[in-house]
């Protein structure tokens, strides 16, 4: 076993989930509720995390806690690790909306949230009561995360969400949400253009190029 593998094997990977909720909630009690354990258990986990990183992670202020500079750096990494783990261990399983406890994050424009947000939330509560739905406004997400990039793909014959409607919405985005951070592309096909092999490959290539730009 390599040294890195040995270090990984010695870690309690449940701490990653606790860390994610602590960074999200910035509150031990709420994090405990999210994880489904007691508050003392989360407090003990926070102590272990602080010892491991040699950092407070959550810093007390007059109105609660804020993230330390290191915690801010860890926040995105922890989200990506948890998302990857959830995807890994759910692979091959039949998806059952009524019992799933997965978390879903959707990024939408203001207009889309206004039109579909309430209806989507109600449908989600009815069909997937144990799952979590997070809706983020595209302009806010782009403002908060300077590394975030947005690629919008359209089918050439898409009548459900016409190209020009999307273009108008993107034109109304703030100045920081302009090319190359935000890009609108069109491929042969309709609303599900990615069902075409050529369009799917082209979209993937475009996405990979956008991710690599600015690295």
Protein backbone atom coordinates (compact mmCIF):
# COMPACT_ATOMS: atom_id res chain seq x y z
CA UNK A 1 0.00 0.00 0.00
CA UNK A 2 1.36 3.41 -0.94
CA UNK A 3 1.81 6.11 1.69
CA UNK A 4 -0.99 8.18 0.19
CA UNK A 5 -3.34 5.18 0.16
CA UNK A 6 -2.44 4.41 3.79
CA UNK A 7 -3.23 7.99 4.81
CA UNK A 8 -6.59 7.79 3.03
CA UNK A 9 -7.41 4.46 4.68
CA UNK A 10 -6.74 5.96 8.11
CA UNK A 11 -9.25 8.78 7.59
CA UNK A 12 -12.87 8.69 8.70
CA UNK A 13 -14.54 9.58 5.41
CA UNK A 14 -17.77 10.42 7.24
CA UNK A 15 -15.96 13.59 8.27
CA UNK A 16 -16.17 14.83 4.69
CA UNK A 17 -19.98 14.82 4.83
CA UNK A 18 -19.96 16.58 8.20
CA UNK A 19 -17.48 19.13 6.86
CA UNK A 20 -19.70 19.84 3.87
CA UNK A 21 -22.72 20.58 6.07
CA UNK A 22 -20.68 22.68 8.49
CA UNK A 23 -19.35 24.80 5.64
CA UNK A 24 -22.85 25.14 4.18
CA UNK A 25 -24.73 25.91 7.39
CA UNK A 26 -21.98 27.58 9.46
CA UNK A 27 -23.89 26.28 12.43
CA UNK A 28 -23.30 23.07 14.40
CA UNK A 29 -26.96 22.49 15.28
CA UNK A 30 -28.22 22.88 11.71
CA UNK A 31 -25.35 20.77 10.35
CA UNK A 32 -26.30 17.99 12.79
CA UNK A 33 -29.90 18.12 11.57
CA UNK A 34 -28.74 17.90 7.95
CA UNK A 35 -26.48 14.92 8.62
CA UNK A 36 -29.01 13.21 10.91
CA UNK A 37 -26.82 12.94 14.01
CA UNK A 38 -26.68 14.65 17.39
CA UNK A 39 -25.16 18.07 17.99
CA UNK A 40 -22.43 16.66 20.29
CA UNK A 41 -21.42 14.24 17.50
CA UNK A 42 -20.98 17.12 15.05
CA UNK A 43 -19.11 19.18 17.67
CA UNK A 44 -16.73 16.25 18.17
CA UNK A 45 -16.31 15.90 14.40
CA UNK A 46 -15.54 19.62 14.11
CA UNK A 47 -12.84 19.25 16.77
CA UNK A 48 -11.28 16.38 14.79
CA UNK A 49 -11.43 18.41 11.59
CA UNK A 50 -9.78 21.37 13.30
CA UNK A 51 -6.95 19.15 14.55
CA UNK A 52 -6.52 17.57 11.13
CA UNK A 53 -6.31 20.87 9.24
CA UNK A 54 -4.65 22.86 12.03
CA UNK A 55 -7.28 25.56 11.49
CA UNK A 56 -10.47 26.78 13.20
CA UNK A 57 -12.50 26.40 9.97
CA UNK A 58 -15.51 28.09 11.64
CA UNK A 59 -14.60 31.36 13.36
CA UNK A 60 -16.97 32.79 15.94
CA UNK A 61 -18.15 36.37 15.40
CA UNK A 62 -20.82 38.47 17.11
CA UNK A 63 -23.66 36.93 15.09
CA UNK A 64 -22.55 33.32 14.78
CA UNK A 65 -19.75 31.86 12.69
CA UNK A 66 -17.92 32.71 9.48
CA UNK A 67 -15.61 30.56 7.41
CA UNK A 68 -11.88 30.89 7.90
CA UNK A 69 -9.79 31.60 4.77
CA UNK A 70 -8.83 27.90 4.62
CA UNK A 71 -12.48 26.84 4.93
CA UNK A 72 -13.37 29.09 2.00
CA UNK A 73 -10.73 27.27 -0.08
CA UNK A 74 -12.03 23.87 1.03
CA UNK A 75 -15.71 24.65 0.37
CA UNK A 76 -15.74 23.98 -3.36
CA UNK A 77 -13.42 20.97 -3.09
CA UNK A 78 -15.65 19.34 -0.48
CA UNK A 79 -18.76 19.88 -2.62
CA UNK A 80 -17.06 18.27 -5.63
CA UNK A 81 -15.81 15.30 -3.58
CA UNK A 82 -19.25 14.64 -2.07
CA UNK A 83 -20.95 14.96 -5.44
CA UNK A 84 -18.47 12.53 -7.00
CA UNK A 85 -18.92 10.05 -4.13
CA UNK A 86 -22.71 10.21 -4.39
CA UNK A 87 -22.51 9.59 -8.11
CA UNK A 88 -20.06 6.72 -7.64
CA UNK A 89 -22.09 4.82 -5.06
CA UNK A 90 -25.39 5.37 -6.84
CA UNK A 91 -24.08 3.97 -10.12
CA UNK A 92 -26.09 1.04 -11.40
CA UNK A 93 -28.93 1.49 -8.93
CA UNK A 94 -32.48 1.99 -10.14
CA UNK A 95 -33.53 5.57 -9.52
CA UNK A 96 -36.61 5.88 -7.30
CA UNK A 97 -37.70 9.51 -6.77
CA UNK A 98 -39.88 8.56 -3.79
CA UNK A 99 -36.97 7.16 -1.77
CA UNK A 100 -33.87 8.91 -3.09
CA UNK A 101 -31.94 11.20 -0.73
CA UNK A 102 -29.78 12.73 -3.41
CA UNK A 103 -29.15 16.44 -3.72
CA UNK A 104 -29.90 18.25 -6.97
CA UNK A 105 -28.64 21.70 -7.91
CA UNK A 106 -30.14 23.66 -10.80
CA UNK A 107 -28.77 26.92 -12.15
CA UNK A 108 -31.42 29.11 -13.74
CA UNK A 109 -31.98 32.60 -15.07
CA UNK A 110 -34.28 34.92 -13.09
CA UNK A 111 -37.11 34.54 -15.59
CA UNK A 112 -36.92 30.74 -15.51
CA UNK A 113 -37.08 30.73 -11.71
CA UNK A 114 -40.08 33.06 -11.78
CA UNK A 115 -41.94 30.86 -14.26
CA UNK A 116 -40.92 27.37 -13.14
CA UNK A 117 -39.39 27.69 -9.67
CA UNK A 118 -42.55 27.39 -7.58
CA UNK A 119 -44.08 24.64 -9.71
CA UNK A 120 -40.83 22.69 -9.77
CA UNK A 121 -40.41 22.92 -5.99
CA UNK A 122 -43.95 21.66 -5.38
CA UNK A 123 -43.49 18.79 -7.82
CA UNK A 124 -40.19 17.94 -6.20
CA UNK A 125 -41.78 17.80 -2.73
CA UNK A 126 -44.54 15.53 -4.02
CA UNK A 127 -42.43 13.15 -6.09
CA UNK A 128 -39.09 13.18 -4.19
CA UNK A 129 -39.89 14.12 -0.57
CA UNK A 130 -36.55 12.94 0.85
CA UNK A 131 -34.32 14.58 -1.76
CA UNK A 132 -32.91 18.11 -1.64
CA UNK A 133 -33.32 20.68 -4.38
CA UNK A 134 -31.10 23.75 -4.62
CA UNK A 135 -31.89 26.42 -7.19
CA UNK A 136 -29.20 29.00 -7.90
CA UNK A 137 -29.63 32.15 -9.94
CA UNK A 138 -27.08 32.12 -12.74
CA UNK A 139 -26.10 35.78 -12.30
CA UNK A 140 -25.61 35.36 -8.53
CA UNK A 141 -23.59 32.17 -8.94
CA UNK A 142 -21.34 33.87 -11.50
CA UNK A 143 -20.91 36.87 -9.20
CA UNK A 144 -19.99 34.76 -6.17
CA UNK A 145 -17.62 32.38 -7.93
CA UNK A 146 -15.15 34.12 -10.28
CA UNK A 147 -13.99 30.73 -11.58
CA UNK A 148 -17.47 29.60 -12.60
CA UNK A 149 -18.21 29.40 -16.32
CA UNK A 150 -21.52 28.84 -18.08
CA UNK A 151 -22.09 27.03 -21.37
CA UNK A 152 -25.62 27.11 -22.79
CA UNK A 153 -26.39 24.65 -25.57
CA UNK A 154 -29.31 24.98 -27.99
CA UNK A 155 -30.73 22.77 -30.70
CA UNK A 156 -31.04 24.46 -34.08
CA UNK A 157 -34.74 23.56 -34.27
CA UNK A 158 -35.52 23.98 -30.56
CA UNK A 159 -39.07 25.30 -30.30
CA UNK A 160 -39.48 24.64 -26.55
CA UNK A 161 -36.85 27.19 -25.50
CA UNK A 162 -36.10 29.31 -28.57
CA UNK A 163 -32.53 30.46 -29.13
CA UNK A 164 -33.35 34.16 -29.27
CA UNK A 165 -35.15 34.05 -25.93
CA UNK A 166 -32.02 32.67 -24.31
CA UNK A 167 -29.85 35.23 -26.11
CA UNK A 168 -31.98 38.06 -24.73
CA UNK A 169 -31.65 36.68 -21.18
CA UNK A 170 -27.88 36.38 -21.52
CA UNK A 171 -27.64 39.91 -22.91
CA UNK A 172 -29.25 41.13 -19.69
CA UNK A 173 -26.59 39.49 -17.51
CA UNK A 174 -24.17 41.79 -15.64
CA UNK A 175 -20.89 42.79 -17.23
CA UNK A 176 -18.93 40.08 -15.41
CA UNK A 177 -21.12 37.41 -17.05
CA UNK A 178 -20.03 37.98 -20.63
CA UNK A 179 -17.79 35.96 -22.96
CA UNK A 180 -15.60 34.04 -22.39
CA UNK A 181 -17.23 33.19 -19.01
CA UNK A 182 -20.67 32.73 -20.58
CA UNK A 183 -21.13 31.19 -24.01
CA UNK A 184 -24.18 30.24 -26.08
CA UNK A 185 -23.75 27.53 -28.72
CA UNK A 186 -26.11 25.94 -31.25
CA UNK A 187 -26.04 22.42 -32.67
CA UNK A 188 -28.14 20.42 -35.17
CA UNK A 189 -31.22 18.94 -33.53
CA UNK A 190 -34.18 20.00 -31.46
CA UNK A 191 -34.74 20.42 -27.73
CA UNK A 192 -32.77 17.23 -27.00
CA UNK A 193 -29.97 17.97 -29.45
CA UNK A 194 -27.57 15.90 -27.34
CA UNK A 195 -29.41 12.73 -28.44
CA UNK A 196 -27.54 13.12 -31.72
CA UNK A 197 -24.08 11.61 -31.51
CA UNK A 198 -22.37 14.38 -33.50
CA UNK A 199 -24.04 17.16 -31.50
CA UNK A 200 -23.24 15.44 -28.22
CA UNK A 201 -19.57 15.10 -29.12
CA UNK A 202 -19.39 18.72 -30.25
CA UNK A 203 -21.05 19.95 -27.07
CA UNK A 204 -18.64 17.91 -24.93
CA UNK A 205 -15.66 19.29 -26.83
CA UNK A 206 -16.96 22.83 -26.33
CA UNK A 207 -17.48 22.21 -22.61
CA UNK A 208 -13.96 20.79 -22.18
CA UNK A 209 -12.47 23.78 -24.02
CA UNK A 210 -14.38 26.19 -21.79
CA UNK A 211 -13.20 24.39 -18.65
CA UNK A 212 -9.58 24.49 -19.78
CA UNK A 213 -9.62 28.17 -20.78
CA UNK A 214 -8.17 30.34 -18.08
CA UNK A 215 -6.49 27.45 -16.25
